């Protein structure tokens, strides 16, 4: 269970960092750049802990898939970015893949 709490925190940290990248203006603004650096540092540290007990491929699939969905939502809500039908379909397929991995793969429970 702790691994999934760490994974959730890693996903949130990466989502915050990635969603803040635009605000750094090419890493020239101090506070947004610090948020990005801390977010990625937390995310990668937690991932390094998690992969000690869970398969790296499964961890990465969940992390990247959930991250894509959350960054997309953040982009829509805060950056006012809009998606077309094919983009929404693709993101839906990614989310479906993450759900299938979590609900059906025996590798997740190793």
PDB file of N, CA and C in Angstrom:
ATOM      1  N   UNK A   1       0.816  -1.202   0.000  1.00  0.00           N
ATOM      2  CA  UNK A   1       0.000   0.000   0.000  1.00  0.00           C
ATOM      3  C   UNK A   1       0.858   1.263   0.000  1.00  0.00           C
ATOM      4  N   UNK A   2       1.937   1.263   0.771  1.00  0.00           N
ATOM      5  CA  UNK A   2       2.812   2.428   0.837  1.00  0.00           C
ATOM      6  C   UNK A   2       3.359   2.784  -0.540  1.00  0.00           C
ATOM      7  N   UNK A   3       3.677   1.759  -1.342  1.00  0.00           N
ATOM      8  CA  UNK A   3       4.175   2.030  -2.685  1.00  0.00           C
ATOM      9  C   UNK A   3       3.183   2.823  -3.511  1.00  0.00           C
ATOM     10  N   UNK A   4       1.905   2.531  -3.366  1.00  0.00           N
ATOM     11  CA  UNK A   4       0.905   3.241  -4.151  1.00  0.00           C
ATOM     12  C   UNK A   4       0.680   4.652  -3.637  1.00  0.00           C
ATOM     13  N   UNK A   5       0.859   4.871  -2.339  1.00  0.00           N
ATOM     14  CA  UNK A   5       0.812   6.235  -1.798  1.00  0.00           C
ATOM     15  C   UNK A   5       1.992   7.023  -2.366  1.00  0.00           C
ATOM     16  N   UNK A   6       3.189   6.425  -2.336  1.00  0.00           N
ATOM     17  CA  UNK A   6       4.368   7.076  -2.908  1.00  0.00           C
ATOM     18  C   UNK A   6       4.175   7.340  -4.398  1.00  0.00           C
ATOM     19  N   UNK A   7       3.594   6.372  -5.110  1.00  0.00           N
ATOM     20  CA  UNK A   7       3.361   6.547  -6.540  1.00  0.00           C
ATOM     21  C   UNK A   7       2.388   7.702  -6.783  1.00  0.00           C
ATOM     22  N   UNK A   8       1.345   7.785  -5.981  1.00  0.00           N
ATOM     23  CA  UNK A   8       0.396   8.891  -6.110  1.00  0.00           C
ATOM     24  C   UNK A   8       1.061  10.241  -5.874  1.00  0.00           C
ATOM     25  N   UNK A   9       1.915  10.313  -4.857  1.00  0.00           N
ATOM     26  CA  UNK A   9       2.631  11.561  -4.572  1.00  0.00           C
ATOM     27  C   UNK A   9       3.591  11.886  -5.722  1.00  0.00           C
ATOM     28  N   UNK A  10       4.269  10.870  -6.242  1.00  0.00           N
ATOM     29  CA  UNK A  10       5.183  11.079  -7.372  1.00  0.00           C
ATOM     30  C   UNK A  10       4.428  11.611  -8.589  1.00  0.00           C
ATOM     31  N   UNK A  11       3.266  11.056  -8.843  1.00  0.00           N
ATOM     32  CA  UNK A  11       2.450  11.505  -9.982  1.00  0.00           C
ATOM     33  C   UNK A  11       2.014  12.952  -9.777  1.00  0.00           C
ATOM     34  N   UNK A  12       1.564  13.286  -8.578  1.00  0.00           N
ATOM     35  CA  UNK A  12       1.149  14.667  -8.311  1.00  0.00           C
ATOM     36  C   UNK A  12       2.319  15.638  -8.414  1.00  0.00           C
ATOM     37  N   UNK A  13       3.481  15.249  -7.893  1.00  0.00           N
ATOM     38  CA  UNK A  13       4.662  16.113  -7.965  1.00  0.00           C
ATOM     39  C   UNK A  13       5.070  16.357  -9.414  1.00  0.00           C
ATOM     40  N   UNK A  14       5.046  15.294 -10.212  1.00  0.00           N
ATOM     41  CA  UNK A  14       5.407  15.433 -11.623  1.00  0.00           C
ATOM     42  C   UNK A  14       4.376  16.274 -12.370  1.00  0.00           C
ATOM     43  N   UNK A  15       3.110  16.107 -12.026  1.00  0.00           N
ATOM     44  CA  UNK A  15       2.049  16.880 -12.669  1.00  0.00           C
ATOM     45  C   UNK A  15       2.197  18.367 -12.365  1.00  0.00           C
ATOM     46  N   UNK A  16       2.469  18.686 -11.114  1.00  0.00           N
ATOM     47  CA  UNK A  16       2.671  20.089 -10.735  1.00  0.00           C
ATOM     48  C   UNK A  16       3.894  20.652 -11.452  1.00  0.00           C
ATOM     49  N   UNK A  17       4.985  19.894 -11.464  1.00  0.00           N
ATOM     50  CA  UNK A  17       6.206  20.366 -12.120  1.00  0.00           C
ATOM     51  C   UNK A  17       5.978  20.606 -13.610  1.00  0.00           C
ATOM     52  N   UNK A  18       5.382  19.640 -14.281  1.00  0.00           N
ATOM     53  CA  UNK A  18       5.169  19.764 -15.718  1.00  0.00           C
ATOM     54  C   UNK A  18       4.202  20.896 -16.037  1.00  0.00           C
ATOM     55  N   UNK A  19       3.157  21.040 -15.238  1.00  0.00           N
ATOM     56  CA  UNK A  19       2.173  22.095 -15.470  1.00  0.00           C
ATOM     57  C   UNK A  19       2.746  23.484 -15.209  1.00  0.00           C
ATOM     58  N   UNK A  20       3.815  23.564 -14.445  1.00  0.00           N
ATOM     59  CA  UNK A  20       4.444  24.844 -14.115  1.00  0.00           C
ATOM     60  C   UNK A  20       5.528  25.228 -15.119  1.00  0.00           C
ATOM     61  N   UNK A  21       5.964  24.290 -15.954  1.00  0.00           N
ATOM     62  CA  UNK A  21       7.064  24.561 -16.890  1.00  0.00           C
ATOM     63  C   UNK A  21       6.860  25.820 -17.723  1.00  0.00           C
ATOM     64  N   UNK A  22       5.663  26.018 -18.245  1.00  0.00           N
ATOM     65  CA  UNK A  22       5.405  27.185 -19.099  1.00  0.00           C
ATOM     66  C   UNK A  22       5.651  28.484 -18.335  1.00  0.00           C
ATOM     67  N   UNK A  23       5.309  28.502 -17.061  1.00  0.00           N
ATOM     68  CA  UNK A  23       5.468  29.701 -16.235  1.00  0.00           C
ATOM     69  C   UNK A  23       6.933  30.062 -15.981  1.00  0.00           C
ATOM     70  N   UNK A  24       7.847  29.116 -16.189  1.00  0.00           N
ATOM     71  CA  UNK A  24       9.263  29.408 -15.934  1.00  0.00           C
ATOM     72  C   UNK A  24       9.858  30.322 -16.992  1.00  0.00           C
ATOM     73  N   UNK A  25       9.188  30.429 -18.132  1.00  0.00           N
ATOM     74  CA  UNK A  25       9.677  31.202 -19.269  1.00  0.00           C
ATOM     75  C   UNK A  25      11.122  30.824 -19.599  1.00  0.00           C
ATOM     76  N   UNK A  26      11.310  29.541 -19.859  1.00  0.00           N
ATOM     77  CA  UNK A  26      12.634  29.037 -20.218  1.00  0.00           C
ATOM     78  C   UNK A  26      13.586  28.971 -19.031  1.00  0.00           C
ATOM     79  N   UNK A  27      13.025  28.670 -17.859  1.00  0.00           N
ATOM     80  CA  UNK A  27      13.775  28.585 -16.599  1.00  0.00           C
ATOM     81  C   UNK A  27      14.436  29.913 -16.212  1.00  0.00           C
ATOM     82  N   UNK A  28      13.806  31.019 -16.600  1.00  0.00           N
ATOM     83  CA  UNK A  28      14.343  32.344 -16.263  1.00  0.00           C
ATOM     84  C   UNK A  28      13.630  32.986 -15.079  1.00  0.00           C
ATOM     85  N   UNK A  29      12.510  32.423 -14.651  1.00  0.00           N
ATOM     86  CA  UNK A  29      11.785  32.963 -13.491  1.00  0.00           C
ATOM     87  C   UNK A  29      12.042  32.051 -12.296  1.00  0.00           C
ATOM     88  N   UNK A  30      12.513  32.648 -11.194  1.00  0.00           N
ATOM     89  CA  UNK A  30      13.007  31.883 -10.049  1.00  0.00           C
ATOM     90  C   UNK A  30      11.959  30.966  -9.427  1.00  0.00           C
ATOM     91  N   UNK A  31      10.841  31.489  -8.966  1.00  0.00           N
ATOM     92  CA  UNK A  31       9.888  30.674  -8.204  1.00  0.00           C
ATOM     93  C   UNK A  31       9.267  29.549  -9.016  1.00  0.00           C
ATOM     94  N   UNK A  32       8.794  29.831 -10.231  1.00  0.00           N
ATOM     95  CA  UNK A  32       8.290  28.697 -11.022  1.00  0.00           C
ATOM     96  C   UNK A  32       9.375  27.649 -11.306  1.00  0.00           C
ATOM     97  N   UNK A  33      10.617  28.103 -11.534  1.00  0.00           N
ATOM     98  CA  UNK A  33      11.719  27.173 -11.789  1.00  0.00           C
ATOM     99  C   UNK A  33      11.983  26.317 -10.561  1.00  0.00           C
ATOM    100  N   UNK A  34      11.925  26.895  -9.373  1.00  0.00           N
ATOM    101  CA  UNK A  34      12.106  26.122  -8.139  1.00  0.00           C
ATOM    102  C   UNK A  34      10.992  25.097  -7.956  1.00  0.00           C
ATOM    103  N   UNK A  35       9.762  25.479  -8.277  1.00  0.00           N
ATOM    104  CA  UNK A  35       8.639  24.538  -8.182  1.00  0.00           C
ATOM    105  C   UNK A  35       8.877  23.358  -9.120  1.00  0.00           C
ATOM    106  N   UNK A  36       9.329  23.643 -10.334  1.00  0.00           N
ATOM    107  CA  UNK A  36       9.618  22.577 -11.301  1.00  0.00           C
ATOM    108  C   UNK A  36      10.724  21.667 -10.780  1.00  0.00           C
ATOM    109  N   UNK A  37      11.813  22.256 -10.306  1.00  0.00           N
ATOM    110  CA  UNK A  37      12.946  21.459  -9.835  1.00  0.00           C
ATOM    111  C   UNK A  37      12.572  20.586  -8.640  1.00  0.00           C
ATOM    112  N   UNK A  38      11.863  21.155  -7.682  1.00  0.00           N
ATOM    113  CA  UNK A  38      11.455  20.381  -6.501  1.00  0.00           C
ATOM    114  C   UNK A  38      10.451  19.299  -6.889  1.00  0.00           C
ATOM    115  N   UNK A  39       9.511  19.640  -7.763  1.00  0.00           N
ATOM    116  CA  UNK A  39       8.516  18.659  -8.200  1.00  0.00           C
ATOM    117  C   UNK A  39       9.146  17.451  -8.864  1.00  0.00           C
ATOM    118  N   UNK A  40      10.058  17.710  -9.789  1.00  0.00           N
ATOM    119  CA  UNK A  40      10.721  16.585 -10.463  1.00  0.00           C
ATOM    120  C   UNK A  40      11.627  15.818  -9.507  1.00  0.00           C
ATOM    121  N   UNK A  41      12.305  16.521  -8.613  1.00  0.00           N
ATOM    122  CA  UNK A  41      13.175  15.832  -7.644  1.00  0.00           C
ATOM    123  C   UNK A  41      12.365  14.893  -6.761  1.00  0.00           C
ATOM    124  N   UNK A  42      11.235  15.365  -6.263  1.00  0.00           N
ATOM    125  CA  UNK A  42      10.367  14.525  -5.428  1.00  0.00           C
ATOM    126  C   UNK A  42       9.860  13.338  -6.235  1.00  0.00           C
ATOM    127  N   UNK A  43       9.392  13.602  -7.452  1.00  0.00           N
ATOM    128  CA  UNK A  43       8.843  12.533  -8.289  1.00  0.00           C
ATOM    129  C   UNK A  43       9.882  11.447  -8.558  1.00  0.00           C
ATOM    130  N   UNK A  44      11.063  11.844  -8.970  1.00  0.00           N
ATOM    131  CA  UNK A  44      12.076  10.846  -9.313  1.00  0.00           C
ATOM    132  C   UNK A  44      12.639  10.139  -8.089  1.00  0.00           C
ATOM    133  N   UNK A  45      12.739  10.844  -6.974  1.00  0.00           N
ATOM    134  CA  UNK A  45      13.181  10.163  -5.753  1.00  0.00           C
ATOM    135  C   UNK A  45      12.179   9.071  -5.373  1.00  0.00           C
ATOM    136  N   UNK A  46      10.892   9.436  -5.352  1.00  0.00           N
ATOM    137  CA  UNK A  46       9.872   8.444  -4.981  1.00  0.00           C
ATOM    138  C   UNK A  46       9.829   7.286  -5.970  1.00  0.00           C
ATOM    139  N   UNK A  47       9.990   7.581  -7.252  1.00  0.00           N
ATOM    140  CA  UNK A  47      10.036   6.496  -8.238  1.00  0.00           C
ATOM    141  C   UNK A  47      11.211   5.565  -7.965  1.00  0.00           C
ATOM    142  N   UNK A  48      12.347   6.125  -7.572  1.00  0.00           N
ATOM    143  CA  UNK A  48      13.514   5.277  -7.285  1.00  0.00           C
ATOM    144  C   UNK A  48      13.267   4.364  -6.091  1.00  0.00           C
ATOM    145  N   UNK A  49      12.431   4.804  -5.160  1.00  0.00           N
ATOM    146  CA  UNK A  49      12.070   3.977  -4.006  1.00  0.00           C
ATOM    147  C   UNK A  49      11.077   2.896  -4.423  1.00  0.00           C
ATOM    148  N   UNK A  50      10.086   3.288  -5.195  1.00  0.00           N
ATOM    149  CA  UNK A  50       9.015   2.368  -5.594  1.00  0.00           C
ATOM    150  C   UNK A  50       9.535   1.212  -6.434  1.00  0.00           C
ATOM    151  N   UNK A  51      10.440   1.492  -7.362  1.00  0.00           N
ATOM    152  CA  UNK A  51      10.908   0.432  -8.268  1.00  0.00           C
ATOM    153  C   UNK A  51      11.784  -0.600  -7.571  1.00  0.00           C
ATOM    154  N   UNK A  52      12.080  -0.390  -6.301  1.00  0.00           N
ATOM    155  CA  UNK A  52      12.803  -1.411  -5.543  1.00  0.00           C
ATOM    156  C   UNK A  52      11.909  -2.614  -5.248  1.00  0.00           C
ATOM    157  N   UNK A  53      10.580  -2.390  -5.233  1.00  0.00           N
ATOM    158  CA  UNK A  53       9.664  -3.483  -4.895  1.00  0.00           C
ATOM    159  C   UNK A  53       8.603  -3.773  -5.952  1.00  0.00           C
ATOM    160  N   UNK A  54       8.390  -2.867  -6.874  1.00  0.00           N
ATOM    161  CA  UNK A  54       7.417  -3.102  -7.948  1.00  0.00           C
ATOM    162  C   UNK A  54       8.137  -3.088  -9.295  1.00  0.00           C
ATOM    163  N   UNK A  55       7.613  -3.798 -10.292  1.00  0.00           N
ATOM    164  CA  UNK A  55       8.251  -3.838 -11.612  1.00  0.00           C
ATOM    165  C   UNK A  55       8.330  -2.446 -12.242  1.00  0.00           C
ATOM    166  N   UNK A  56       9.504  -2.079 -12.718  1.00  0.00           N
ATOM    167  CA  UNK A  56       9.726  -0.743 -13.259  1.00  0.00           C
ATOM    168  C   UNK A  56       8.795  -0.439 -14.441  1.00  0.00           C
ATOM    169  N   UNK A  57       8.533  -1.411 -15.272  1.00  0.00           N
ATOM    170  CA  UNK A  57       7.654  -1.189 -16.420  1.00  0.00           C
ATOM    171  C   UNK A  57       6.234  -0.856 -16.004  1.00  0.00           C
ATOM    172  N   UNK A  58       5.745  -1.554 -14.997  1.00  0.00           N
ATOM    173  CA  UNK A  58       4.385  -1.299 -14.498  1.00  0.00           C
ATOM    174  C   UNK A  58       4.326   0.067 -13.823  1.00  0.00           C
ATOM    175  N   UNK A  59       5.311   0.365 -12.995  1.00  0.00           N
ATOM    176  CA  UNK A  59       5.364   1.659 -12.309  1.00  0.00           C
ATOM    177  C   UNK A  59       5.400   2.788 -13.330  1.00  0.00           C
ATOM    178  N   UNK A  60       6.239   2.637 -14.341  1.00  0.00           N
ATOM    179  CA  UNK A  60       6.368   3.692 -15.338  1.00  0.00           C
ATOM    180  C   UNK A  60       5.085   3.840 -16.155  1.00  0.00           C
ATOM    181  N   UNK A  61       4.445   2.737 -16.478  1.00  0.00           N
ATOM    182  CA  UNK A  61       3.193   2.808 -17.236  1.00  0.00           C
ATOM    183  C   UNK A  61       2.125   3.569 -16.451  1.00  0.00           C
ATOM    184  N   UNK A  62       2.002   3.262 -15.175  1.00  0.00           N
ATOM    185  CA  UNK A  62       1.010   3.951 -14.339  1.00  0.00           C
ATOM    186  C   UNK A  62       1.393   5.416 -14.173  1.00  0.00           C
ATOM    187  N   UNK A  63       2.660   5.682 -13.869  1.00  0.00           N
ATOM    188  CA  UNK A  63       3.127   7.046 -13.635  1.00  0.00           C
ATOM    189  C   UNK A  63       2.950   7.909 -14.878  1.00  0.00           C
ATOM    190  N   UNK A  64       3.412   7.413 -16.002  1.00  0.00           N
ATOM    191  CA  UNK A  64       3.328   8.226 -17.217  1.00  0.00           C
ATOM    192  C   UNK A  64       1.889   8.372 -17.706  1.00  0.00           C
ATOM    193  N   UNK A  65       1.116   7.294 -17.636  1.00  0.00           N
ATOM    194  CA  UNK A  65      -0.276   7.372 -18.090  1.00  0.00           C
ATOM    195  C   UNK A  65      -1.105   8.319 -17.246  1.00  0.00           C
ATOM    196  N   UNK A  66      -1.021   8.166 -15.935  1.00  0.00           N
ATOM    197  CA  UNK A  66      -1.771   9.055 -15.042  1.00  0.00           C
ATOM    198  C   UNK A  66      -1.257  10.483 -15.169  1.00  0.00           C
ATOM    199  N   UNK A  67       0.063  10.635 -15.316  1.00  0.00           N
ATOM    200  CA  UNK A  67       0.640  11.968 -15.485  1.00  0.00           C
ATOM    201  C   UNK A  67       0.126  12.659 -16.733  1.00  0.00           C
ATOM    202  N   UNK A  68       0.038  11.925 -17.840  1.00  0.00           N
ATOM    203  CA  UNK A  68      -0.478  12.498 -19.089  1.00  0.00           C
ATOM    204  C   UNK A  68      -1.900  13.006 -18.893  1.00  0.00           C
ATOM    205  N   UNK A  69      -2.723  12.194 -18.275  1.00  0.00           N
ATOM    206  CA  UNK A  69      -4.119  12.580 -18.060  1.00  0.00           C
ATOM    207  C   UNK A  69      -4.207  13.802 -17.152  1.00  0.00           C
ATOM    208  N   UNK A  70      -3.472  13.798 -16.042  1.00  0.00           N
ATOM    209  CA  UNK A  70      -3.539  14.920 -15.102  1.00  0.00           C
ATOM    210  C   UNK A  70      -2.947  16.203 -15.676  1.00  0.00           C
ATOM    211  N   UNK A  71      -1.853  16.103 -16.412  1.00  0.00           N
ATOM    212  CA  UNK A  71      -1.271  17.304 -17.035  1.00  0.00           C
ATOM    213  C   UNK A  71      -2.226  17.862 -18.086  1.00  0.00           C
ATOM    214  N   UNK A  72      -2.902  16.987 -18.806  1.00  0.00           N
ATOM    215  CA  UNK A  72      -3.889  17.434 -19.788  1.00  0.00           C
ATOM    216  C   UNK A  72      -5.024  18.176 -19.106  1.00  0.00           C
ATOM    217  N   UNK A  73      -5.511  17.631 -18.001  1.00  0.00           N
ATOM    218  CA  UNK A  73      -6.585  18.300 -17.252  1.00  0.00           C
ATOM    219  C   UNK A  73      -6.100  19.656 -16.744  1.00  0.00           C
ATOM    220  N   UNK A  74      -4.885  19.701 -16.194  1.00  0.00           N
ATOM    221  CA  UNK A  74      -4.325  20.969 -15.710  1.00  0.00           C
ATOM    222  C   UNK A  74      -4.198  21.967 -16.859  1.00  0.00           C
ATOM    223  N   UNK A  75      -3.743  21.499 -18.010  1.00  0.00           N
ATOM    224  CA  UNK A  75      -3.621  22.377 -19.172  1.00  0.00           C
ATOM    225  C   UNK A  75      -4.960  22.962 -19.593  1.00  0.00           C
ATOM    226  N   UNK A  76      -5.997  22.153 -19.525  1.00  0.00           N
ATOM    227  CA  UNK A  76      -7.331  22.632 -19.884  1.00  0.00           C
ATOM    228  C   UNK A  76      -7.864  23.626 -18.859  1.00  0.00           C
ATOM    229  N   UNK A  77      -7.680  23.324 -17.581  1.00  0.00           N
ATOM    230  CA  UNK A  77      -8.247  24.165 -16.524  1.00  0.00           C
ATOM    231  C   UNK A  77      -7.466  25.458 -16.306  1.00  0.00           C
ATOM    232  N   UNK A  78      -6.140  25.374 -16.221  1.00  0.00           N
ATOM    233  CA  UNK A  78      -5.355  26.543 -15.831  1.00  0.00           C
ATOM    234  C   UNK A  78      -4.708  27.271 -17.001  1.00  0.00           C
ATOM    235  N   UNK A  79      -4.361  26.529 -18.041  1.00  0.00           N
ATOM    236  CA  UNK A  79      -3.689  27.159 -19.175  1.00  0.00           C
ATOM    237  C   UNK A  79      -4.648  27.419 -20.333  1.00  0.00           C
ATOM    238  N   UNK A  80      -5.909  27.055 -20.135  1.00  0.00           N
ATOM    239  CA  UNK A  80      -6.972  27.280 -21.131  1.00  0.00           C
ATOM    240  C   UNK A  80      -6.663  26.636 -22.481  1.00  0.00           C
ATOM    241  N   UNK A  81      -5.993  25.486 -22.441  1.00  0.00           N
ATOM    242  CA  UNK A  81      -5.698  24.745 -23.660  1.00  0.00           C
ATOM    243  C   UNK A  81      -6.881  23.837 -23.979  1.00  0.00           C
ATOM    244  N   UNK A  82      -7.230  23.760 -25.240  1.00  0.00           N
ATOM    245  CA  UNK A  82      -8.370  22.950 -25.661  1.00  0.00           C
ATOM    246  C   UNK A  82      -7.896  21.768 -26.488  1.00  0.00           C
ATOM    247  N   UNK A  83      -8.621  20.663 -26.373  1.00  0.00           N
ATOM    248  CA  UNK A  83      -8.283  19.440 -27.111  1.00  0.00           C
ATOM    249  C   UNK A  83      -9.382  19.110 -28.099  1.00  0.00           C
ATOM    250  N   UNK A  84      -8.993  18.512 -29.209  1.00  0.00           N
ATOM    251  CA  UNK A  84      -9.977  18.057 -30.182  1.00  0.00           C
ATOM    252  C   UNK A  84     -10.353  16.598 -29.904  1.00  0.00           C
ATOM    253  N   UNK A  85     -11.260  16.075 -30.686  1.00  0.00           N
ATOM    254  CA  UNK A  85     -11.750  14.710 -30.498  1.00  0.00           C
ATOM    255  C   UNK A  85     -10.662  13.642 -30.511  1.00  0.00           C
ATOM    256  N   UNK A  86      -9.775  13.644 -31.516  1.00  0.00           N
ATOM    257  CA  UNK A  86      -8.716  12.621 -31.527  1.00  0.00           C
ATOM    258  C   UNK A  86      -7.802  12.688 -30.304  1.00  0.00           C
ATOM    259  N   UNK A  87      -7.504  13.885 -29.830  1.00  0.00           N
ATOM    260  CA  UNK A  87      -6.662  14.014 -28.630  1.00  0.00           C
ATOM    261  C   UNK A  87      -7.377  13.433 -27.413  1.00  0.00           C
ATOM    262  N   UNK A  88      -8.655  13.738 -27.284  1.00  0.00           N
ATOM    263  CA  UNK A  88      -9.435  13.196 -26.164  1.00  0.00           C
ATOM    264  C   UNK A  88      -9.536  11.674 -26.247  1.00  0.00           C
ATOM    265  N   UNK A  89      -9.723  11.156 -27.446  1.00  0.00           N
ATOM    266  CA  UNK A  89      -9.781   9.701 -27.638  1.00  0.00           C
ATOM    267  C   UNK A  89      -8.459   9.052 -27.219  1.00  0.00           C
ATOM    268  N   UNK A  90      -7.348   9.613 -27.667  1.00  0.00           N
ATOM    269  CA  UNK A  90      -6.041   9.066 -27.325  1.00  0.00           C
ATOM    270  C   UNK A  90      -5.789   9.076 -25.825  1.00  0.00           C
ATOM    271  N   UNK A  91      -6.145  10.174 -25.184  1.00  0.00           N
ATOM    272  CA  UNK A  91      -5.967  10.267 -23.733  1.00  0.00           C
ATOM    273  C   UNK A  91      -6.891   9.271 -23.026  1.00  0.00           C
ATOM    274  N   UNK A  92      -8.083   9.092 -23.545  1.00  0.00           N
ATOM    275  CA  UNK A  92      -8.986   8.091 -22.984  1.00  0.00           C
ATOM    276  C   UNK A  92      -8.419   6.686 -23.095  1.00  0.00           C
ATOM    277  N   UNK A  93      -7.762   6.392 -24.206  1.00  0.00           N
ATOM    278  CA  UNK A  93      -7.135   5.079 -24.381  1.00  0.00           C
ATOM    279  C   UNK A  93      -5.978   4.894 -23.400  1.00  0.00           C
ATOM    280  N   UNK A  94      -5.213   5.951 -23.171  1.00  0.00           N
ATOM    281  CA  UNK A  94      -4.119   5.879 -22.190  1.00  0.00           C
ATOM    282  C   UNK A  94      -4.692   5.590 -20.808  1.00  0.00           C
ATOM    283  N   UNK A  95      -5.716   6.310 -20.429  1.00  0.00           N
ATOM    284  CA  UNK A  95      -6.352   6.106 -19.126  1.00  0.00           C
ATOM    285  C   UNK A  95      -6.910   4.690 -19.015  1.00  0.00           C
ATOM    286  N   UNK A  96      -7.506   4.194 -20.082  1.00  0.00           N
ATOM    287  CA  UNK A  96      -8.015   2.825 -20.098  1.00  0.00           C
ATOM    288  C   UNK A  96      -6.876   1.836 -19.873  1.00  0.00           C
ATOM    289  N   UNK A  97      -5.739   2.074 -20.496  1.00  0.00           N
ATOM    290  CA  UNK A  97      -4.583   1.199 -20.305  1.00  0.00           C
ATOM    291  C   UNK A  97      -4.117   1.168 -18.862  1.00  0.00           C
ATOM    292  N   UNK A  98      -4.088   2.316 -18.208  1.00  0.00           N
ATOM    293  CA  UNK A  98      -3.689   2.370 -16.797  1.00  0.00           C
ATOM    294  C   UNK A  98      -4.673   1.590 -15.935  1.00  0.00           C
ATOM    295  N   UNK A  99      -5.960   1.734 -16.211  1.00  0.00           N
ATOM    296  CA  UNK A  99      -6.978   1.003 -15.450  1.00  0.00           C
ATOM    297  C   UNK A  99      -6.836  -0.501 -15.671  1.00  0.00           C
ATOM    298  N   UNK A 100      -6.622  -0.922 -16.914  1.00  0.00           N
ATOM    299  CA  UNK A 100      -6.461  -2.350 -17.207  1.00  0.00           C
ATOM    300  C   UNK A 100      -5.252  -2.913 -16.472  1.00  0.00           C
ATOM    301  N   UNK A 101      -4.146  -2.193 -16.486  1.00  0.00           N
ATOM    302  CA  UNK A 101      -2.947  -2.651 -15.766  1.00  0.00           C
ATOM    303  C   UNK A 101      -3.263  -2.851 -14.288  1.00  0.00           C
ATOM    304  N   UNK A 102      -3.924  -1.872 -13.694  1.00  0.00           N
ATOM    305  CA  UNK A 102      -4.188  -1.932 -12.254  1.00  0.00           C
ATOM    306  C   UNK A 102      -5.214  -2.989 -11.876  1.00  0.00           C
ATOM    307  N   UNK A 103      -6.205  -3.202 -12.699  1.00  0.00           N
ATOM    308  CA  UNK A 103      -7.263  -4.135 -12.346  1.00  0.00           C
ATOM    309  C   UNK A 103      -6.978  -5.564 -12.786  1.00  0.00           C
ATOM    310  N   UNK A 104      -6.214  -5.754 -13.854  1.00  0.00           N
ATOM    311  CA  UNK A 104      -6.096  -7.085 -14.423  1.00  0.00           C
ATOM    312  C   UNK A 104      -4.694  -7.684 -14.409  1.00  0.00           C
ATOM    313  N   UNK A 105      -3.671  -6.887 -14.294  1.00  0.00           N
ATOM    314  CA  UNK A 105      -2.316  -7.430 -14.383  1.00  0.00           C
ATOM    315  C   UNK A 105      -1.863  -8.033 -13.069  1.00  0.00           C
ATOM    316  N   UNK A 106      -1.368  -9.226 -13.145  1.00  0.00           N
ATOM    317  CA  UNK A 106      -0.799  -9.882 -11.959  1.00  0.00           C
ATOM    318  C   UNK A 106       0.558  -9.279 -11.622  1.00  0.00           C
ATOM    319  N   UNK A 107       1.193  -8.602 -12.583  1.00  0.00           N
ATOM    320  CA  UNK A 107       2.507  -7.988 -12.332  1.00  0.00           C
ATOM    321  C   UNK A 107       2.418  -6.858 -11.318  1.00  0.00           C
ATOM    322  N   UNK A 108       1.277  -6.223 -11.196  1.00  0.00           N
ATOM    323  CA  UNK A 108       1.108  -5.108 -10.258  1.00  0.00           C
ATOM    324  C   UNK A 108       1.242  -5.601  -8.821  1.00  0.00           C
ATOM    325  N   UNK A 109       0.792  -6.797  -8.547  1.00  0.00           N
ATOM    326  CA  UNK A 109       0.794  -7.294  -7.166  1.00  0.00           C
ATOM    327  C   UNK A 109       2.071  -8.045  -6.789  1.00  0.00           C
ATOM    328  N   UNK A 110       3.070  -8.056  -7.652  1.00  0.00           N
ATOM    329  CA  UNK A 110       4.308  -8.770  -7.339  1.00  0.00           C
ATOM    330  C   UNK A 110       5.008  -8.173  -6.144  1.00  0.00           C
TER     331      UNK A 110
END
